[in-house]
Amino acid sequence: MYQNKTFLAIIPARGGSKRLPRKNVLALNGKPLIAWSIEAGLKSKYIDEVVVTTDDAEISEISEKYGANVPFIRPNILSNDIASRSDVIRHTIEFYKVELKQDFDYIIYLQPTSPLRTENEIDKAVEYMFEKNADAIVSVCEVEHPVQWSGVLPDNKDMSDFLNEIDIKSRSQDFPSCFRLNGAIFICDSYKFMESGCMFLKENIFAYVMSQDISIDIDTKIDFMFARNIFENKS
C-alpha cells in the first residue's frame, strides 16, 4: 500500500537558535547536527525527497552538501521566534505545489535536533501508520519519572498543594506508564494537514513509541553534551 505513496521529508532549521546558538551546524560525532537527520531521511525506503527549510546561508550550504534539497530560503516572517511549525510546513507544501508542480501524499517532519533517530525508525513509523490505517503518526517515548510527581509552583514556591497524599506515598513503580512527545518523527497525510492546518489531527492519529535511549531532543548545551556522550560510547 505505502509503496505507491509519495513522501516529502521536511527538516526545519533556523539559524537563530537561542538556547544553544548555531546548534544545527554544531559538530556532533564528526558531522554537523543537521546532517544526521538529512542522512536518515535519504536512507529511508519510503522518503522520495528531503527538503531543508532554512533562513540561513551556512545551514543551506551544509544541507546541500549532505544531499538535501534547499529550493528556497525561508522568508523572515517564518523565521522568527513566533513562527509556528504548521506555518513552516504549509509554506513548504505550497512552494512545492506552486513553484515545482509537485504534490506529495504524506509529509514527514524530521527535527534536526533528534540525531539518534535513524532511517530504520522512520521506516518502521511509516509501516506502523499503514498498519493502523492512520492519517498521522507522532513519535513518543516513556517519561523518565512519574508525571504525578510534577506540578506547577506558585511565585512564593509554596508546596502545600503541589502533590496529593496518594502521590506522595506512592512508589514510582506504582504509577501507570506515561509518555511524552520526543520530537523525532511526525508523519501526516498532506491533504489532511492542509485541511486542518495542524500535524495533530483531531482523529485517526496514533503514537509511535520509541525507546528513551534514542529519544534525545537537543535544545540546550546539556542535551548536546549528552548526545555526544551517547555517540562516543556507541563507537
C-alpha atoms as a PDB file:
ATOM      1  CA  MET A   1       0.000   0.000   0.000  1.00  0.00           C
ATOM      2  CA  TYR A   2       2.657   2.522   1.050  1.00  0.00           C
ATOM      3  CA  GLN A   3       4.852   1.604  -1.911  1.00  0.00           C
ATOM      4  CA  ASN A   4       2.550   3.656  -4.165  1.00  0.00           C
ATOM      5  CA  LYS A   5       2.521   6.724  -1.917  1.00  0.00           C
ATOM      6  CA  THR A   6       4.913   9.658  -2.065  1.00  0.00           C
ATOM      7  CA  PHE A   7       6.651  11.125   0.966  1.00  0.00           C
ATOM      8  CA  LEU A   8       8.290  14.507   1.461  1.00  0.00           C
ATOM      9  CA  ALA A   9      10.610  14.829   4.454  1.00  0.00           C
ATOM     10  CA  ILE A  10      10.733  18.382   5.799  1.00  0.00           C
ATOM     11  CA  ILE A  11      13.660  19.339   8.034  1.00  0.00           C
ATOM     12  CA  PRO A  12      13.276  22.761   9.697  1.00  0.00           C
ATOM     13  CA  ALA A  13      16.473  24.588  10.618  1.00  0.00           C
ATOM     14  CA  ARG A  14      16.507  28.216  11.673  1.00  0.00           C
ATOM     15  CA  GLY A  15      19.818  29.980  12.014  1.00  0.00           C
ATOM     16  CA  GLY A  16      18.820  31.937  15.104  1.00  0.00           C
ATOM     17  CA  SER A  17      18.526  29.279  17.808  1.00  0.00           C
ATOM     18  CA  LYS A  18      18.662  30.971  21.213  1.00  0.00           C
ATOM     19  CA  ARG A  19      19.346  28.449  23.987  1.00  0.00           C
ATOM     20  CA  LEU A  20      22.097  26.709  22.028  1.00  0.00           C
ATOM     21  CA  PRO A  21      23.412  29.149  19.399  1.00  0.00           C
ATOM     22  CA  ARG A  22      24.070  27.692  15.921  1.00  0.00           C
ATOM     23  CA  LYS A  23      23.041  24.255  17.186  1.00  0.00           C
ATOM     24  CA  ASN A  24      22.043  22.939  13.759  1.00  0.00           C
ATOM     25  CA  VAL A  25      25.611  23.220  12.454  1.00  0.00           C
ATOM     26  CA  LEU A  26      27.493  22.218  15.605  1.00  0.00           C
ATOM     27  CA  ALA A  27      29.793  19.245  15.040  1.00  0.00           C
ATOM     28  CA  LEU A  28      28.443  16.034  16.555  1.00  0.00           C
ATOM     29  CA  ASN A  29      30.497  12.869  16.114  1.00  0.00           C
ATOM     30  CA  GLY A  30      32.220  14.292  13.054  1.00  0.00           C
ATOM     31  CA  LYS A  31      29.187  15.803  11.290  1.00  0.00           C
ATOM     32  CA  PRO A  32      27.046  18.920  11.641  1.00  0.00           C
ATOM     33  CA  LEU A  33      23.988  18.166  13.766  1.00  0.00           C
ATOM     34  CA  ILE A  34      21.585  18.616  10.856  1.00  0.00           C
ATOM     35  CA  ALA A  35      23.475  16.057   8.745  1.00  0.00           C
ATOM     36  CA  TRP A  36      22.229  13.187  10.901  1.00  0.00           C
ATOM     37  CA  SER A  37      18.604  13.894  10.054  1.00  0.00           C
ATOM     38  CA  ILE A  38      19.343  14.544   6.378  1.00  0.00           C
ATOM     39  CA  GLU A  39      21.161  11.230   6.034  1.00  0.00           C
ATOM     40  CA  ALA A  40      18.431   9.341   7.889  1.00  0.00           C
ATOM     41  CA  GLY A  41      15.837  10.808   5.536  1.00  0.00           C
ATOM     42  CA  LEU A  42      17.866   9.995   2.431  1.00  0.00           C
ATOM     43  CA  LYS A  43      18.387   6.394   3.575  1.00  0.00           C
ATOM     44  CA  SER A  44      14.682   5.813   4.253  1.00  0.00           C
ATOM     45  CA  LYS A  45      12.979   3.294   1.961  1.00  0.00           C
ATOM     46  CA  TYR A  46       9.910   5.471   1.645  1.00  0.00           C
ATOM     47  CA  ILE A  47      11.006   9.099   1.528  1.00  0.00           C
ATOM     48  CA  ASP A  48      11.087  10.477  -2.017  1.00  0.00           C
ATOM     49  CA  GLU A  49      12.619  13.848  -1.258  1.00  0.00           C
ATOM     50  CA  VAL A  50      14.356  15.519   1.668  1.00  0.00           C
ATOM     51  CA  VAL A  51      13.987  19.291   1.885  1.00  0.00           C
ATOM     52  CA  VAL A  52      15.551  21.641   4.395  1.00  0.00           C
ATOM     53  CA  THR A  53      13.656  24.839   5.115  1.00  0.00           C
ATOM     54  CA  THR A  54      16.030  27.454   6.499  1.00  0.00           C
ATOM     55  CA  ASP A  55      16.688  31.178   6.584  1.00  0.00           C
ATOM     56  CA  ASP A  56      20.436  30.694   6.980  1.00  0.00           C
ATOM     57  CA  ALA A  57      23.091  30.591   4.233  1.00  0.00           C
ATOM     58  CA  GLU A  58      25.505  28.348   6.146  1.00  0.00           C
ATOM     59  CA  ILE A  59      22.777  25.825   7.009  1.00  0.00           C
ATOM     60  CA  SER A  60      21.659  25.885   3.373  1.00  0.00           C
ATOM     61  CA  GLU A  61      25.190  25.171   2.121  1.00  0.00           C
ATOM     62  CA  ILE A  62      25.762  22.348   4.617  1.00  0.00           C
ATOM     63  CA  SER A  63      22.358  20.818   3.875  1.00  0.00           C
ATOM     64  CA  GLU A  64      23.039  20.704   0.143  1.00  0.00           C
ATOM     65  CA  LYS A  65      26.480  19.239   0.802  1.00  0.00           C
ATOM     66  CA  TYR A  66      24.856  16.325   2.640  1.00  0.00           C
ATOM     67  CA  GLY A  67      22.305  15.729  -0.106  1.00  0.00           C
ATOM     68  CA  ALA A  68      19.195  17.645   0.930  1.00  0.00           C
ATOM     69  CA  ASN A  69      17.272  19.939  -1.388  1.00  0.00           C
ATOM     70  CA  VAL A  70      17.111  23.612  -0.435  1.00  0.00           C
ATOM     71  CA  PRO A  71      14.927  25.109  -3.183  1.00  0.00           C
ATOM     72  CA  PHE A  72      14.174  28.329  -1.273  1.00  0.00           C
ATOM     73  CA  ILE A  73      15.358  30.484   1.603  1.00  0.00           C
ATOM     74  CA  ARG A  74      12.654  30.658   4.229  1.00  0.00           C
ATOM     75  CA  PRO A  75      11.004  34.099   4.467  1.00  0.00           C
ATOM     76  CA  ASN A  76      11.826  36.223   7.509  1.00  0.00           C
ATOM     77  CA  ILE A  77       8.208  36.117   8.665  1.00  0.00           C
ATOM     78  CA  LEU A  78       8.582  32.348   9.099  1.00  0.00           C
ATOM     79  CA  SER A  79      11.970  32.548  10.791  1.00  0.00           C
ATOM     80  CA  ASN A  80      11.248  34.400  13.999  1.00  0.00           C
ATOM     81  CA  ASP A  81      10.508  33.040  17.458  1.00  0.00           C
ATOM     82  CA  ILE A  82       6.748  33.105  16.987  1.00  0.00           C
ATOM     83  CA  ALA A  83       6.599  31.321  13.624  1.00  0.00           C
ATOM     84  CA  SER A  84       4.702  28.069  14.048  1.00  0.00           C
ATOM     85  CA  ARG A  85       5.635  24.602  12.844  1.00  0.00           C
ATOM     86  CA  SER A  86       2.379  24.455  10.897  1.00  0.00           C
ATOM     87  CA  ASP A  87       3.155  27.694   9.031  1.00  0.00           C
ATOM     88  CA  VAL A  88       6.583  26.385   8.039  1.00  0.00           C
ATOM     89  CA  ILE A  89       5.122  23.095   6.791  1.00  0.00           C
ATOM     90  CA  ARG A  90       2.319  24.819   4.883  1.00  0.00           C
ATOM     91  CA  HIS A  91       4.800  27.157   3.199  1.00  0.00           C
ATOM     92  CA  THR A  92       6.928  24.186   2.096  1.00  0.00           C
ATOM     93  CA  ILE A  93       3.975  22.209   0.724  1.00  0.00           C
ATOM     94  CA  GLU A  94       2.664  25.247  -1.155  1.00  0.00           C
ATOM     95  CA  PHE A  95       6.108  26.033  -2.588  1.00  0.00           C
ATOM     96  CA  TYR A  96       6.425  22.523  -3.990  1.00  0.00           C
ATOM     97  CA  LYS A  97       2.890  22.618  -5.370  1.00  0.00           C
ATOM     98  CA  VAL A  98       3.029  26.094  -6.947  1.00  0.00           C
ATOM     99  CA  GLU A  99       6.690  26.536  -7.879  1.00  0.00           C
ATOM    100  CA  LEU A 100       7.815  22.964  -8.552  1.00  0.00           C
ATOM    101  CA  LYS A 101       4.456  21.438  -9.590  1.00  0.00           C
ATOM    102  CA  GLN A 102       4.930  18.567  -7.126  1.00  0.00           C
ATOM    103  CA  ASP A 103       2.413  17.039  -4.761  1.00  0.00           C
ATOM    104  CA  PHE A 104       3.211  14.515  -2.042  1.00  0.00           C
ATOM    105  CA  ASP A 105       0.776  12.181  -0.316  1.00  0.00           C
ATOM    106  CA  TYR A 106       2.489  12.449   3.059  1.00  0.00           C
ATOM    107  CA  ILE A 107       4.844  14.772   4.841  1.00  0.00           C
ATOM    108  CA  ILE A 108       7.398  13.527   7.359  1.00  0.00           C
ATOM    109  CA  TYR A 109       8.629  16.255   9.692  1.00  0.00           C
ATOM    110  CA  LEU A 110      12.121  15.493  10.977  1.00  0.00           C
ATOM    111  CA  GLN A 111      13.521  17.896  13.541  1.00  0.00           C
ATOM    112  CA  PRO A 112      17.322  18.160  13.206  1.00  0.00           C
ATOM    113  CA  THR A 113      17.596  18.069  16.985  1.00  0.00           C
ATOM    114  CA  SER A 114      16.951  14.292  17.003  1.00  0.00           C
ATOM    115  CA  PRO A 115      20.261  12.881  15.709  1.00  0.00           C
ATOM    116  CA  LEU A 116      19.743   9.404  17.171  1.00  0.00           C
ATOM    117  CA  ARG A 117      16.595   8.807  15.133  1.00  0.00           C
ATOM    118  CA  THR A 118      17.656   6.551  12.244  1.00  0.00           C
ATOM    119  CA  GLU A 119      16.168   5.602   8.893  1.00  0.00           C
ATOM    120  CA  ASN A 120      15.039   2.339  10.473  1.00  0.00           C
ATOM    121  CA  GLU A 121      12.854   4.223  12.943  1.00  0.00           C
ATOM    122  CA  ILE A 122      11.427   6.373  10.151  1.00  0.00           C
ATOM    123  CA  ASP A 123      10.582   3.317   8.051  1.00  0.00           C
ATOM    124  CA  LYS A 124       9.026   1.487  10.984  1.00  0.00           C
ATOM    125  CA  ALA A 125       6.904   4.542  11.757  1.00  0.00           C
ATOM    126  CA  VAL A 126       5.675   4.673   8.140  1.00  0.00           C
ATOM    127  CA  GLU A 127       4.809   0.977   8.196  1.00  0.00           C
ATOM    128  CA  TYR A 128       3.081   1.367  11.557  1.00  0.00           C
ATOM    129  CA  MET A 129       0.982   4.200  10.144  1.00  0.00           C
ATOM    130  CA  PHE A 130      -0.331   1.996   7.355  1.00  0.00           C
ATOM    131  CA  GLU A 131      -0.760  -0.938   9.706  1.00  0.00           C
ATOM    132  CA  LYS A 132      -3.051   1.280  11.811  1.00  0.00           C
ATOM    133  CA  ASN A 133      -4.638   2.808   8.683  1.00  0.00           C
ATOM    134  CA  ALA A 134      -3.860   6.148  10.309  1.00  0.00           C
ATOM    135  CA  ASP A 135      -3.781   9.660   8.896  1.00  0.00           C
ATOM    136  CA  ALA A 136      -1.000  10.773  11.221  1.00  0.00           C
ATOM    137  CA  ILE A 137       1.712   9.358  13.480  1.00  0.00           C
ATOM    138  CA  VAL A 138       3.654  11.128  16.222  1.00  0.00           C
ATOM    139  CA  SER A 139       6.668   9.620  17.970  1.00  0.00           C
ATOM    140  CA  VAL A 140       6.730   9.397  21.750  1.00  0.00           C
ATOM    141  CA  CYS A 141       8.807   7.792  24.477  1.00  0.00           C
ATOM    142  CA  GLU A 142       8.128   6.827  28.060  1.00  0.00           C
ATOM    143  CA  VAL A 143       8.731   9.602  30.581  1.00  0.00           C
ATOM    144  CA  GLU A 144      11.739   9.237  32.853  1.00  0.00           C
ATOM    145  CA  HIS A 145       9.822   9.955  36.084  1.00  0.00           C
ATOM    146  CA  PRO A 146       6.145   9.755  37.062  1.00  0.00           C
ATOM    147  CA  VAL A 147       4.228  12.804  35.870  1.00  0.00           C
ATOM    148  CA  GLN A 148       2.281  12.600  39.129  1.00  0.00           C
ATOM    149  CA  TRP A 149       5.419  13.890  40.836  1.00  0.00           C
ATOM    150  CA  SER A 150       5.367  17.054  38.730  1.00  0.00           C
ATOM    151  CA  GLY A 151       3.375  20.209  39.355  1.00  0.00           C
ATOM    152  CA  VAL A 152       3.175  23.966  38.998  1.00  0.00           C
ATOM    153  CA  LEU A 153       4.741  26.116  41.720  1.00  0.00           C
ATOM    154  CA  PRO A 154       3.289  29.498  42.671  1.00  0.00           C
ATOM    155  CA  ASP A 155       5.576  32.524  42.809  1.00  0.00           C
ATOM    156  CA  ASN A 156       6.248  32.011  46.521  1.00  0.00           C
ATOM    157  CA  LYS A 157       7.222  28.339  45.915  1.00  0.00           C
ATOM    158  CA  ASP A 158       4.629  27.063  48.424  1.00  0.00           C
ATOM    159  CA  MET A 159       4.301  23.277  48.033  1.00  0.00           C
ATOM    160  CA  SER A 160       1.179  22.781  50.143  1.00  0.00           C
ATOM    161  CA  ASP A 161      -0.889  21.803  47.101  1.00  0.00           C
ATOM    162  CA  PHE A 162       1.931  20.503  44.922  1.00  0.00           C
ATOM    163  CA  LEU A 163       1.098  16.811  45.353  1.00  0.00           C
ATOM    164  CA  ASN A 164      -1.835  14.958  46.796  1.00  0.00           C
ATOM    165  CA  GLU A 165      -1.365  12.477  49.641  1.00  0.00           C
ATOM    166  CA  ILE A 166      -1.659   9.415  47.397  1.00  0.00           C
ATOM    167  CA  ASP A 167       1.062  10.657  45.046  1.00  0.00           C
ATOM    168  CA  ILE A 168       3.396  11.451  47.934  1.00  0.00           C
ATOM    169  CA  LYS A 169       3.107   7.943  49.369  1.00  0.00           C
ATOM    170  CA  SER A 170       3.278   6.090  46.044  1.00  0.00           C
ATOM    171  CA  ARG A 171       6.411   4.481  44.671  1.00  0.00           C
ATOM    172  CA  SER A 172       7.409   5.204  41.067  1.00  0.00           C
ATOM    173  CA  GLN A 173       6.593   1.625  40.037  1.00  0.00           C
ATOM    174  CA  ASP A 174       3.038   2.040  41.353  1.00  0.00           C
ATOM    175  CA  PHE A 175       2.124   4.526  38.634  1.00  0.00           C
ATOM    176  CA  PRO A 176       0.994   3.537  35.104  1.00  0.00           C
ATOM    177  CA  SER A 177       3.423   4.252  32.277  1.00  0.00           C
ATOM    178  CA  CYS A 178       3.163   7.754  30.836  1.00  0.00           C
ATOM    179  CA  PHE A 179       4.600   9.010  27.573  1.00  0.00           C
ATOM    180  CA  ARG A 180       5.833  12.295  26.146  1.00  0.00           C
ATOM    181  CA  LEU A 181       6.445  13.670  22.680  1.00  0.00           C
ATOM    182  CA  ASN A 182      10.092  13.106  21.794  1.00  0.00           C
ATOM    183  CA  GLY A 183      10.206  15.357  18.725  1.00  0.00           C
ATOM    184  CA  ALA A 184      11.788  12.769  16.449  1.00  0.00           C
ATOM    185  CA  ILE A 185       9.104  11.843  13.886  1.00  0.00           C
ATOM    186  CA  PHE A 186       5.859  13.460  12.772  1.00  0.00           C
ATOM    187  CA  ILE A 187       4.025  11.936   9.796  1.00  0.00           C
ATOM    188  CA  CYS A 188       0.793  13.283   8.358  1.00  0.00           C
ATOM    189  CA  ASP A 189      -1.373  12.876   5.284  1.00  0.00           C
ATOM    190  CA  SER A 190      -0.537  16.098   3.446  1.00  0.00           C
ATOM    191  CA  TYR A 191      -4.114  16.727   2.349  1.00  0.00           C
ATOM    192  CA  LYS A 192      -5.421  16.220   5.883  1.00  0.00           C
ATOM    193  CA  PHE A 193      -2.744  18.601   7.108  1.00  0.00           C
ATOM    194  CA  MET A 194      -3.743  21.306   4.632  1.00  0.00           C
ATOM    195  CA  GLU A 195      -7.370  20.913   5.677  1.00  0.00           C
ATOM    196  CA  SER A 196      -6.710  21.094   9.400  1.00  0.00           C
ATOM    197  CA  GLY A 197      -3.603  23.273   9.438  1.00  0.00           C
ATOM    198  CA  CYS A 198      -2.082  21.086  12.124  1.00  0.00           C
ATOM    199  CA  MET A 199       0.025  17.933  12.454  1.00  0.00           C
ATOM    200  CA  PHE A 200      -2.009  16.886  15.475  1.00  0.00           C
ATOM    201  CA  LEU A 201      -5.219  15.796  13.826  1.00  0.00           C
ATOM    202  CA  LYS A 202      -8.362  15.518  15.903  1.00  0.00           C
ATOM    203  CA  GLU A 203      -8.860  11.874  14.944  1.00  0.00           C
ATOM    204  CA  ASN A 204      -7.145   8.864  13.396  1.00  0.00           C
ATOM    205  CA  ILE A 205      -3.763   9.816  14.826  1.00  0.00           C
ATOM    206  CA  PHE A 206      -1.579   7.321  16.703  1.00  0.00           C
ATOM    207  CA  ALA A 207       1.584   7.276  18.791  1.00  0.00           C
ATOM    208  CA  TYR A 208       4.721   5.545  17.570  1.00  0.00           C
ATOM    209  CA  VAL A 209       6.679   4.520  20.670  1.00  0.00           C
ATOM    210  CA  MET A 210      10.463   4.879  20.625  1.00  0.00           C
ATOM    211  CA  SER A 211      12.933   3.926  23.329  1.00  0.00           C
ATOM    212  CA  GLN A 212      14.321   6.580  25.654  1.00  0.00           C
ATOM    213  CA  ASP A 213      17.923   5.984  24.618  1.00  0.00           C
ATOM    214  CA  ILE A 214      17.310   7.271  21.071  1.00  0.00           C
ATOM    215  CA  SER A 215      14.818   9.982  22.022  1.00  0.00           C
ATOM    216  CA  ILE A 216      17.256  12.775  22.868  1.00  0.00           C
ATOM    217  CA  ASP A 217      15.976  16.153  21.629  1.00  0.00           C
ATOM    218  CA  ILE A 218      18.813  18.681  21.598  1.00  0.00           C
ATOM    219  CA  ASP A 219      17.752  22.101  22.820  1.00  0.00           C
ATOM    220  CA  THR A 220      20.451  23.051  25.337  1.00  0.00           C
ATOM    221  CA  LYS A 221      24.185  22.600  25.871  1.00  0.00           C
ATOM    222  CA  ILE A 222      23.454  19.802  28.356  1.00  0.00           C
ATOM    223  CA  ASP A 223      21.366  17.974  25.734  1.00  0.00           C
ATOM    224  CA  PHE A 224      24.199  18.335  23.226  1.00  0.00           C
ATOM    225  CA  MET A 225      26.790  17.017  25.678  1.00  0.00           C
ATOM    226  CA  PHE A 226      24.535  14.081  26.492  1.00  0.00           C
ATOM    227  CA  ALA A 227      24.097  13.231  22.792  1.00  0.00           C
ATOM    228  CA  ARG A 228      27.843  13.483  22.227  1.00  0.00           C
ATOM    229  CA  ASN A 229      28.455  11.109  25.126  1.00  0.00           C
ATOM    230  CA  ILE A 230      25.993   8.592  23.672  1.00  0.00           C
ATOM    231  CA  PHE A 231      27.763   8.697  20.312  1.00  0.00           C
ATOM    232  CA  GLU A 232      31.178   8.302  21.910  1.00  0.00           C
ATOM    233  CA  ASN A 233      30.037   5.248  23.840  1.00  0.00           C
ATOM    234  CA  LYS A 234      28.462   3.697  20.743  1.00  0.00           C
ATOM    235  CA  SER A 235      31.733   3.839  18.832  1.00  0.00           C
END
